[in-house]
Amino acid sequence: MKLMTNEECWELISRSAFKSISVGSINQELEGIGKRIAEQCKGLPLAARAIASHLRSKPSPDDWYDLSNNFSTYTNNILPVLKLSYDFLPPQLKRCFALCSIFPKGYVFDREELVLLWMAIDLLYQPRSNRKLKDIGYDYFDDLVARSFFQRSNITMTSFVMHDLMMIG
């Protein structure tokens, strides 16, 4: 799963929150608030879907402002789903991701350095494989990125941070 743009998040939220209304006829005030909420989803489709399902029953701009201003409170409802995502990781990915929890929130991970760390503490394993451990590590890392456990940092093409929603709690 790749991260969505803010516009894609807004489209997902608006389609779900306004099932019977065309996107072009949405109240402009709600659209403005909705786009701010979409930005707060940080590209996670899971967050956008969960927030949209909550907004579906909230047609008032005041409700939308409340959600936007208290976004972290609402995202706590997403945590059980994120835990489920973690629970369904293959064991080798779970071990690698769990190690990352020793780093502080906002820590910038370099893909290569993290793979080397996983190699150094013997977390990379693939039975009956002639592949290089480093290549296996890159696959593990890319899989975690695809599952939205990491997102690309603005620093370099090989710099990543744990997704904000993975650090809640």
N, C-alpha and C. Protein backbone atom coordinates (compact mmCIF):
# COMPACT_ATOMS: atom_id res chain seq x y z
N MET A 1 0.85 -1.17 0.00
CA MET A 1 0.00 0.00 0.00
C MET A 1 0.89 1.23 0.00
N LYS A 2 0.66 2.14 -0.99
CA LYS A 2 1.46 3.35 -1.02
C LYS A 2 0.69 4.50 -0.39
N LEU A 3 1.43 5.52 0.03
CA LEU A 3 0.79 6.67 0.62
C LEU A 3 0.06 7.47 -0.45
N MET A 4 -1.00 8.11 -0.05
CA MET A 4 -1.78 8.93 -0.98
C MET A 4 -1.36 10.39 -0.86
N THR A 5 -1.64 11.15 -1.91
CA THR A 5 -1.44 12.60 -1.84
C THR A 5 -2.57 13.18 -0.99
N ASN A 6 -2.42 14.44 -0.59
CA ASN A 6 -3.49 15.09 0.18
C ASN A 6 -4.77 15.13 -0.64
N GLU A 7 -4.65 15.38 -1.94
CA GLU A 7 -5.83 15.43 -2.82
C GLU A 7 -6.51 14.07 -2.89
N GLU A 8 -5.71 13.00 -2.99
CA GLU A 8 -6.29 11.66 -3.02
C GLU A 8 -6.99 11.33 -1.69
N CYS A 9 -6.39 11.76 -0.58
CA CYS A 9 -7.03 11.56 0.73
C CYS A 9 -8.37 12.29 0.77
N TRP A 10 -8.38 13.54 0.28
CA TRP A 10 -9.62 14.31 0.28
C TRP A 10 -10.67 13.63 -0.59
N GLU A 11 -10.28 13.13 -1.75
CA GLU A 11 -11.24 12.45 -2.63
C GLU A 11 -11.83 11.23 -1.92
N LEU A 12 -10.98 10.46 -1.24
CA LEU A 12 -11.46 9.28 -0.51
C LEU A 12 -12.42 9.69 0.62
N ILE A 13 -12.03 10.71 1.37
CA ILE A 13 -12.88 11.19 2.46
C ILE A 13 -14.21 11.70 1.92
N SER A 14 -14.15 12.53 0.88
CA SER A 14 -15.40 13.12 0.37
C SER A 14 -16.32 12.07 -0.24
N ARG A 15 -15.76 11.10 -0.96
CA ARG A 15 -16.59 10.04 -1.54
C ARG A 15 -17.30 9.24 -0.46
N SER A 16 -16.60 8.98 0.63
CA SER A 16 -17.17 8.17 1.70
C SER A 16 -18.10 8.99 2.60
N ALA A 17 -17.69 10.20 2.93
CA ALA A 17 -18.48 11.02 3.85
C ALA A 17 -19.75 11.57 3.19
N PHE A 18 -19.70 11.78 1.88
CA PHE A 18 -20.84 12.33 1.15
C PHE A 18 -21.29 11.34 0.08
N LYS A 19 -21.67 10.16 0.48
CA LYS A 19 -22.00 9.10 -0.48
C LYS A 19 -22.99 9.53 -1.55
N SER A 20 -24.01 10.28 -1.20
CA SER A 20 -25.06 10.60 -2.17
C SER A 20 -24.90 11.99 -2.80
N ILE A 21 -23.82 12.68 -2.49
CA ILE A 21 -23.62 14.04 -3.01
C ILE A 21 -22.40 14.03 -3.93
N SER A 22 -22.50 14.70 -5.08
CA SER A 22 -21.34 14.78 -5.96
C SER A 22 -20.31 15.72 -5.34
N VAL A 23 -19.03 15.43 -5.60
CA VAL A 23 -17.94 16.19 -4.98
C VAL A 23 -18.07 17.68 -5.31
N GLY A 24 -18.54 18.01 -6.51
CA GLY A 24 -18.66 19.41 -6.91
C GLY A 24 -19.71 20.19 -6.15
N SER A 25 -20.66 19.51 -5.52
CA SER A 25 -21.74 20.22 -4.82
C SER A 25 -21.58 20.21 -3.30
N ILE A 26 -20.39 19.91 -2.82
CA ILE A 26 -20.13 19.89 -1.38
C ILE A 26 -20.00 21.33 -0.87
N ASN A 27 -20.59 21.60 0.27
CA ASN A 27 -20.48 22.88 0.94
C ASN A 27 -19.01 23.30 0.99
N GLN A 28 -18.72 24.55 0.56
CA GLN A 28 -17.32 24.99 0.48
C GLN A 28 -16.65 25.04 1.85
N GLU A 29 -17.40 25.36 2.87
CA GLU A 29 -16.82 25.38 4.22
C GLU A 29 -16.39 23.98 4.62
N LEU A 30 -17.26 22.99 4.38
CA LEU A 30 -16.90 21.60 4.70
C LEU A 30 -15.71 21.15 3.85
N GLU A 31 -15.68 21.57 2.60
CA GLU A 31 -14.56 21.18 1.74
C GLU A 31 -13.24 21.72 2.28
N GLY A 32 -13.23 22.97 2.72
CA GLY A 32 -12.01 23.55 3.28
C GLY A 32 -11.53 22.81 4.52
N ILE A 33 -12.47 22.52 5.41
CA ILE A 33 -12.12 21.78 6.63
C ILE A 33 -11.69 20.36 6.26
N GLY A 34 -12.43 19.76 5.32
CA GLY A 34 -12.12 18.39 4.89
C GLY A 34 -10.73 18.27 4.31
N LYS A 35 -10.32 19.27 3.55
CA LYS A 35 -8.97 19.23 2.96
C LYS A 35 -7.91 19.34 4.05
N ARG A 36 -8.21 20.12 5.10
CA ARG A 36 -7.27 20.20 6.23
C ARG A 36 -7.18 18.85 6.95
N ILE A 37 -8.33 18.21 7.11
CA ILE A 37 -8.36 16.88 7.73
C ILE A 37 -7.58 15.88 6.86
N ALA A 38 -7.75 15.98 5.54
CA ALA A 38 -7.05 15.08 4.62
C ALA A 38 -5.54 15.21 4.79
N GLU A 39 -5.05 16.44 4.98
CA GLU A 39 -3.61 16.65 5.22
C GLU A 39 -3.17 15.96 6.50
N GLN A 40 -4.02 15.99 7.52
CA GLN A 40 -3.68 15.39 8.81
C GLN A 40 -3.62 13.86 8.73
N CYS A 41 -4.22 13.28 7.70
CA CYS A 41 -4.17 11.82 7.52
C CYS A 41 -2.78 11.35 7.09
N LYS A 42 -1.92 12.28 6.70
CA LYS A 42 -0.52 11.99 6.36
C LYS A 42 -0.39 10.91 5.29
N GLY A 43 -1.35 10.86 4.37
CA GLY A 43 -1.24 9.93 3.24
C GLY A 43 -1.69 8.51 3.51
N LEU A 44 -2.12 8.23 4.73
CA LEU A 44 -2.53 6.86 5.06
C LEU A 44 -3.98 6.60 4.64
N PRO A 45 -4.20 5.70 3.70
CA PRO A 45 -5.57 5.38 3.30
C PRO A 45 -6.41 4.90 4.48
N LEU A 46 -5.81 4.15 5.38
CA LEU A 46 -6.52 3.65 6.55
C LEU A 46 -7.07 4.80 7.39
N ALA A 47 -6.26 5.81 7.61
CA ALA A 47 -6.70 6.97 8.39
C ALA A 47 -7.83 7.70 7.67
N ALA A 48 -7.67 7.90 6.36
CA ALA A 48 -8.70 8.61 5.59
C ALA A 48 -10.03 7.86 5.64
N ARG A 49 -9.99 6.54 5.48
CA ARG A 49 -11.23 5.74 5.51
C ARG A 49 -11.89 5.79 6.88
N ALA A 50 -11.08 5.67 7.94
CA ALA A 50 -11.64 5.68 9.30
C ALA A 50 -12.26 7.04 9.62
N ILE A 51 -11.58 8.10 9.26
CA ILE A 51 -12.09 9.45 9.52
C ILE A 51 -13.36 9.69 8.69
N ALA A 52 -13.35 9.26 7.43
CA ALA A 52 -14.52 9.46 6.56
C ALA A 52 -15.74 8.75 7.12
N SER A 53 -15.56 7.55 7.63
CA SER A 53 -16.71 6.82 8.17
C SER A 53 -17.29 7.55 9.39
N HIS A 54 -16.42 8.21 10.14
CA HIS A 54 -16.88 8.99 11.29
C HIS A 54 -17.62 10.25 10.81
N LEU A 55 -17.09 10.91 9.76
CA LEU A 55 -17.68 12.15 9.27
C LEU A 55 -19.00 11.94 8.55
N ARG A 56 -19.24 10.73 8.08
CA ARG A 56 -20.47 10.43 7.34
C ARG A 56 -21.71 10.83 8.14
N SER A 57 -21.66 10.67 9.43
CA SER A 57 -22.82 10.99 10.27
C SER A 57 -22.72 12.39 10.89
N LYS A 58 -21.79 13.19 10.41
CA LYS A 58 -21.56 14.52 10.98
C LYS A 58 -21.63 15.60 9.88
N PRO A 59 -22.83 16.06 9.52
CA PRO A 59 -22.94 17.04 8.44
C PRO A 59 -22.63 18.49 8.84
N SER A 60 -22.47 18.74 10.12
CA SER A 60 -22.25 20.10 10.61
C SER A 60 -20.78 20.52 10.50
N PRO A 61 -20.51 21.74 10.00
CA PRO A 61 -19.13 22.23 9.97
C PRO A 61 -18.49 22.24 11.36
N ASP A 62 -19.29 22.48 12.41
CA ASP A 62 -18.75 22.47 13.78
C ASP A 62 -18.16 21.10 14.13
N ASP A 63 -18.85 20.03 13.72
CA ASP A 63 -18.33 18.68 13.96
C ASP A 63 -17.02 18.46 13.23
N TRP A 64 -16.95 18.98 12.01
CA TRP A 64 -15.73 18.81 11.21
C TRP A 64 -14.57 19.62 11.81
N TYR A 65 -14.87 20.85 12.26
CA TYR A 65 -13.83 21.64 12.94
C TYR A 65 -13.34 20.92 14.19
N ASP A 66 -14.28 20.38 14.95
CA ASP A 66 -13.93 19.65 16.16
C ASP A 66 -12.99 18.50 15.84
N LEU A 67 -13.31 17.73 14.81
CA LEU A 67 -12.45 16.61 14.44
C LEU A 67 -11.07 17.09 14.01
N SER A 68 -11.04 18.14 13.20
CA SER A 68 -9.76 18.66 12.73
C SER A 68 -8.90 19.16 13.88
N ASN A 69 -9.52 19.85 14.83
CA ASN A 69 -8.77 20.40 15.96
C ASN A 69 -8.38 19.35 17.00
N ASN A 70 -9.05 18.22 16.99
CA ASN A 70 -8.76 17.14 17.94
C ASN A 70 -8.42 15.85 17.20
N PHE A 71 -7.68 15.99 16.12
CA PHE A 71 -7.42 14.85 15.23
C PHE A 71 -6.79 13.67 15.96
N SER A 72 -5.84 13.94 16.85
CA SER A 72 -5.15 12.82 17.52
C SER A 72 -6.11 11.99 18.37
N THR A 73 -7.12 12.62 18.94
CA THR A 73 -8.12 11.88 19.71
C THR A 73 -8.88 10.91 18.82
N TYR A 74 -9.25 11.38 17.64
CA TYR A 74 -10.01 10.53 16.72
C TYR A 74 -9.16 9.41 16.14
N THR A 75 -7.88 9.68 15.92
CA THR A 75 -7.03 8.64 15.34
C THR A 75 -6.77 7.51 16.32
N ASN A 76 -7.05 7.71 17.60
CA ASN A 76 -6.91 6.60 18.55
C ASN A 76 -7.81 5.44 18.17
N ASN A 77 -8.91 5.71 17.47
CA ASN A 77 -9.79 4.63 17.00
C ASN A 77 -9.13 3.81 15.90
N ILE A 78 -8.11 4.36 15.28
CA ILE A 78 -7.40 3.67 14.21
C ILE A 78 -6.37 2.69 14.78
N LEU A 79 -5.94 2.95 16.01
CA LEU A 79 -4.88 2.13 16.59
C LEU A 79 -5.17 0.63 16.59
N PRO A 80 -6.38 0.19 16.92
CA PRO A 80 -6.62 -1.26 16.85
C PRO A 80 -6.40 -1.83 15.45
N VAL A 81 -6.73 -1.06 14.42
CA VAL A 81 -6.53 -1.53 13.05
C VAL A 81 -5.04 -1.57 12.74
N LEU A 82 -4.30 -0.55 13.19
CA LEU A 82 -2.85 -0.56 12.97
C LEU A 82 -2.20 -1.72 13.72
N LYS A 83 -2.68 -2.01 14.92
CA LYS A 83 -2.15 -3.15 15.66
C LYS A 83 -2.41 -4.43 14.90
N LEU A 84 -3.59 -4.52 14.31
CA LEU A 84 -3.93 -5.69 13.50
C LEU A 84 -2.97 -5.80 12.31
N SER A 85 -2.66 -4.66 11.68
CA SER A 85 -1.69 -4.66 10.58
C SER A 85 -0.35 -5.21 11.05
N TYR A 86 0.07 -4.76 12.24
CA TYR A 86 1.32 -5.25 12.81
C TYR A 86 1.22 -6.74 13.12
N ASP A 87 0.11 -7.15 13.72
CA ASP A 87 -0.06 -8.55 14.10
C ASP A 87 0.02 -9.48 12.90
N PHE A 88 -0.40 -9.01 11.74
CA PHE A 88 -0.39 -9.85 10.54
C PHE A 88 0.90 -9.75 9.74
N LEU A 89 1.87 -9.00 10.25
CA LEU A 89 3.18 -8.99 9.58
C LEU A 89 3.82 -10.36 9.70
N PRO A 90 4.55 -10.79 8.69
CA PRO A 90 5.33 -12.02 8.85
C PRO A 90 6.32 -11.84 10.00
N PRO A 91 6.66 -12.91 10.70
CA PRO A 91 7.53 -12.80 11.88
C PRO A 91 8.84 -12.06 11.62
N GLN A 92 9.45 -12.30 10.46
CA GLN A 92 10.73 -11.64 10.18
C GLN A 92 10.56 -10.12 10.05
N LEU A 93 9.44 -9.66 9.50
CA LEU A 93 9.21 -8.22 9.40
C LEU A 93 8.86 -7.64 10.76
N LYS A 94 8.14 -8.40 11.56
CA LYS A 94 7.78 -7.96 12.91
C LYS A 94 9.03 -7.68 13.73
N ARG A 95 9.99 -8.61 13.67
CA ARG A 95 11.23 -8.43 14.44
C ARG A 95 11.97 -7.18 13.98
N CYS A 96 12.07 -7.00 12.67
CA CYS A 96 12.79 -5.84 12.14
C CYS A 96 12.10 -4.54 12.53
N PHE A 97 10.79 -4.50 12.40
CA PHE A 97 10.06 -3.28 12.74
C PHE A 97 10.11 -3.02 14.25
N ALA A 98 10.00 -4.06 15.05
CA ALA A 98 10.02 -3.90 16.50
C ALA A 98 11.34 -3.26 16.95
N LEU A 99 12.43 -3.61 16.31
CA LEU A 99 13.72 -3.01 16.66
C LEU A 99 13.68 -1.50 16.49
N CYS A 100 12.95 -1.03 15.50
CA CYS A 100 12.89 0.41 15.22
C CYS A 100 12.23 1.20 16.34
N SER A 101 11.51 0.53 17.22
CA SER A 101 10.82 1.22 18.31
C SER A 101 11.80 1.76 19.36
N ILE A 102 13.05 1.33 19.33
CA ILE A 102 14.02 1.86 20.30
C ILE A 102 14.49 3.27 19.91
N PHE A 103 14.17 3.69 18.69
CA PHE A 103 14.58 5.01 18.24
C PHE A 103 13.49 6.03 18.58
N PRO A 104 13.88 7.29 18.83
CA PRO A 104 12.87 8.30 19.21
C PRO A 104 11.93 8.66 18.06
N LYS A 105 10.76 9.19 18.42
CA LYS A 105 9.79 9.65 17.42
C LYS A 105 10.47 10.68 16.51
N GLY A 106 10.24 10.56 15.23
CA GLY A 106 10.81 11.50 14.27
C GLY A 106 12.21 11.14 13.81
N TYR A 107 12.78 10.06 14.36
CA TYR A 107 14.12 9.64 13.97
C TYR A 107 14.13 9.35 12.47
N VAL A 108 15.17 9.84 11.79
CA VAL A 108 15.29 9.62 10.35
C VAL A 108 16.15 8.38 10.11
N PHE A 109 15.54 7.37 9.52
CA PHE A 109 16.22 6.12 9.22
C PHE A 109 16.79 6.18 7.81
N ASP A 110 18.05 5.82 7.68
CA ASP A 110 18.63 5.63 6.36
C ASP A 110 18.43 4.15 6.00
N ARG A 111 17.87 3.91 4.85
CA ARG A 111 17.53 2.54 4.44
C ARG A 111 18.74 1.61 4.55
N GLU A 112 19.86 2.03 4.00
CA GLU A 112 21.07 1.21 4.00
C GLU A 112 21.56 0.93 5.43
N GLU A 113 21.62 1.98 6.26
CA GLU A 113 22.10 1.81 7.64
C GLU A 113 21.19 0.88 8.44
N LEU A 114 19.88 1.00 8.24
CA LEU A 114 18.95 0.15 8.97
C LEU A 114 19.11 -1.31 8.55
N VAL A 115 19.27 -1.54 7.26
CA VAL A 115 19.48 -2.91 6.78
C VAL A 115 20.78 -3.47 7.36
N LEU A 116 21.82 -2.65 7.41
CA LEU A 116 23.09 -3.11 8.00
C LEU A 116 22.92 -3.43 9.49
N LEU A 117 22.12 -2.63 10.20
CA LEU A 117 21.85 -2.91 11.61
C LEU A 117 21.11 -4.24 11.75
N TRP A 118 20.10 -4.46 10.91
CA TRP A 118 19.37 -5.73 10.95
C TRP A 118 20.32 -6.89 10.68
N MET A 119 21.27 -6.69 9.75
CA MET A 119 22.25 -7.75 9.46
C MET A 119 23.14 -8.00 10.67
N ALA A 120 23.60 -6.91 11.30
CA ALA A 120 24.55 -7.01 12.42
C ALA A 120 23.96 -7.77 13.61
N ILE A 121 22.68 -7.63 13.83
CA ILE A 121 22.08 -8.33 14.97
C ILE A 121 21.29 -9.56 14.52
N ASP A 122 21.56 -10.00 13.32
CA ASP A 122 21.07 -11.28 12.81
C ASP A 122 19.54 -11.39 12.73
N LEU A 123 18.90 -10.32 12.22
CA LEU A 123 17.45 -10.35 12.06
C LEU A 123 17.01 -10.79 10.67
N LEU A 124 17.95 -10.86 9.75
CA LEU A 124 17.60 -11.20 8.37
C LEU A 124 17.83 -12.68 8.13
N TYR A 125 16.78 -13.33 7.65
CA TYR A 125 16.86 -14.76 7.45
C TYR A 125 15.86 -15.15 6.37
N GLN A 126 16.32 -15.97 5.47
CA GLN A 126 15.43 -16.55 4.47
C GLN A 126 15.97 -17.95 4.18
N PRO A 127 15.27 -18.96 4.69
CA PRO A 127 15.77 -20.33 4.53
C PRO A 127 15.87 -20.73 3.06
N ARG A 128 16.84 -21.55 2.78
CA ARG A 128 17.06 -22.10 1.44
C ARG A 128 17.16 -21.02 0.36
N SER A 129 17.84 -19.95 0.69
CA SER A 129 18.00 -18.87 -0.27
C SER A 129 19.48 -18.59 -0.49
N ASN A 130 19.84 -18.37 -1.73
CA ASN A 130 21.22 -18.02 -2.05
C ASN A 130 21.38 -16.50 -2.18
N ARG A 131 20.36 -15.77 -1.84
CA ARG A 131 20.40 -14.32 -1.97
C ARG A 131 21.28 -13.70 -0.89
N LYS A 132 21.83 -12.54 -1.21
CA LYS A 132 22.63 -11.81 -0.24
C LYS A 132 21.73 -11.26 0.86
N LEU A 133 22.24 -11.29 2.10
CA LEU A 133 21.46 -10.78 3.23
C LEU A 133 21.03 -9.33 3.02
N LYS A 134 21.91 -8.53 2.44
CA LYS A 134 21.58 -7.13 2.21
C LYS A 134 20.36 -7.00 1.30
N ASP A 135 20.29 -7.83 0.26
CA ASP A 135 19.13 -7.79 -0.66
C ASP A 135 17.85 -8.23 0.05
N ILE A 136 17.98 -9.21 0.92
CA ILE A 136 16.82 -9.64 1.72
C ILE A 136 16.37 -8.48 2.62
N GLY A 137 17.34 -7.80 3.22
CA GLY A 137 17.03 -6.65 4.07
C GLY A 137 16.33 -5.54 3.31
N TYR A 138 16.79 -5.26 2.09
CA TYR A 138 16.13 -4.25 1.26
C TYR A 138 14.68 -4.66 0.98
N ASP A 139 14.47 -5.94 0.71
CA ASP A 139 13.11 -6.42 0.47
C ASP A 139 12.24 -6.25 1.71
N TYR A 140 12.79 -6.58 2.88
CA TYR A 140 12.05 -6.40 4.13
C TYR A 140 11.66 -4.93 4.30
N PHE A 141 12.66 -4.06 4.12
CA PHE A 141 12.42 -2.63 4.31
C PHE A 141 11.36 -2.13 3.33
N ASP A 142 11.51 -2.50 2.06
CA ASP A 142 10.55 -2.06 1.03
C ASP A 142 9.15 -2.57 1.34
N ASP A 143 9.05 -3.76 1.90
CA ASP A 143 7.75 -4.31 2.29
C ASP A 143 7.13 -3.47 3.42
N LEU A 144 7.95 -3.07 4.39
CA LEU A 144 7.45 -2.23 5.48
C LEU A 144 7.01 -0.85 4.97
N VAL A 145 7.73 -0.32 3.99
CA VAL A 145 7.33 0.95 3.38
C VAL A 145 6.00 0.77 2.64
N ALA A 146 5.89 -0.30 1.88
CA ALA A 146 4.66 -0.56 1.12
C ALA A 146 3.45 -0.73 2.04
N ARG A 147 3.68 -1.21 3.25
CA ARG A 147 2.59 -1.40 4.21
C ARG A 147 2.35 -0.15 5.06
N SER A 148 3.03 0.94 4.72
CA SER A 148 2.88 2.25 5.39
C SER A 148 3.41 2.29 6.82
N PHE A 149 4.32 1.40 7.16
CA PHE A 149 4.95 1.49 8.48
C PHE A 149 6.02 2.58 8.47
N PHE A 150 6.59 2.85 7.31
CA PHE A 150 7.56 3.94 7.12
C PHE A 150 7.06 4.83 6.00
N GLN A 151 7.48 6.10 6.05
CA GLN A 151 7.22 7.00 4.93
C GLN A 151 8.52 7.72 4.60
N ARG A 152 8.64 8.11 3.35
CA ARG A 152 9.85 8.78 2.89
C ARG A 152 9.99 10.12 3.62
N SER A 153 11.22 10.42 4.00
CA SER A 153 11.55 11.69 4.64
C SER A 153 11.85 12.71 3.53
N ASN A 154 11.87 13.98 3.88
CA ASN A 154 12.19 15.02 2.90
C ASN A 154 13.69 15.22 2.75
N ILE A 155 14.50 14.48 3.49
CA ILE A 155 15.94 14.73 3.52
C ILE A 155 16.64 14.16 2.28
N THR A 156 16.56 12.85 2.08
CA THR A 156 17.15 12.22 0.89
C THR A 156 16.21 11.13 0.40
N MET A 157 16.51 10.60 -0.77
CA MET A 157 15.68 9.54 -1.35
C MET A 157 15.75 8.24 -0.54
N THR A 158 16.80 8.08 0.29
CA THR A 158 16.94 6.85 1.07
C THR A 158 16.65 7.07 2.56
N SER A 159 16.08 8.24 2.89
CA SER A 159 15.76 8.56 4.29
C SER A 159 14.27 8.36 4.54
N PHE A 160 13.96 7.71 5.65
CA PHE A 160 12.58 7.40 5.99
C PHE A 160 12.34 7.66 7.47
N VAL A 161 11.09 7.90 7.82
CA VAL A 161 10.69 7.99 9.22
C VAL A 161 9.53 7.03 9.42
N MET A 162 9.35 6.60 10.67
CA MET A 162 8.17 5.80 10.97
C MET A 162 6.98 6.71 10.77
N HIS A 163 5.91 6.17 10.23
CA HIS A 163 4.73 6.98 10.01
C HIS A 163 4.21 7.48 11.35
N ASP A 164 3.78 8.76 11.41
CA ASP A 164 3.30 9.37 12.65
C ASP A 164 2.27 8.51 13.37
N LEU A 165 1.34 7.94 12.62
CA LEU A 165 0.29 7.15 13.27
C LEU A 165 0.82 5.87 13.89
N MET A 166 2.02 5.43 13.49
CA MET A 166 2.62 4.25 14.10
C MET A 166 3.22 4.59 15.47
N MET A 167 3.35 5.89 15.75
CA MET A 167 4.00 6.33 16.98
C MET A 167 3.00 6.81 18.03
N ILE A 168 1.71 6.79 17.72
CA ILE A 168 0.69 7.26 18.67
C ILE A 168 0.60 6.29 19.84
N GLY A 169 0.37 6.84 21.00
CA GLY A 169 0.07 5.97 22.13
C GLY A 169 1.07 5.93 23.15
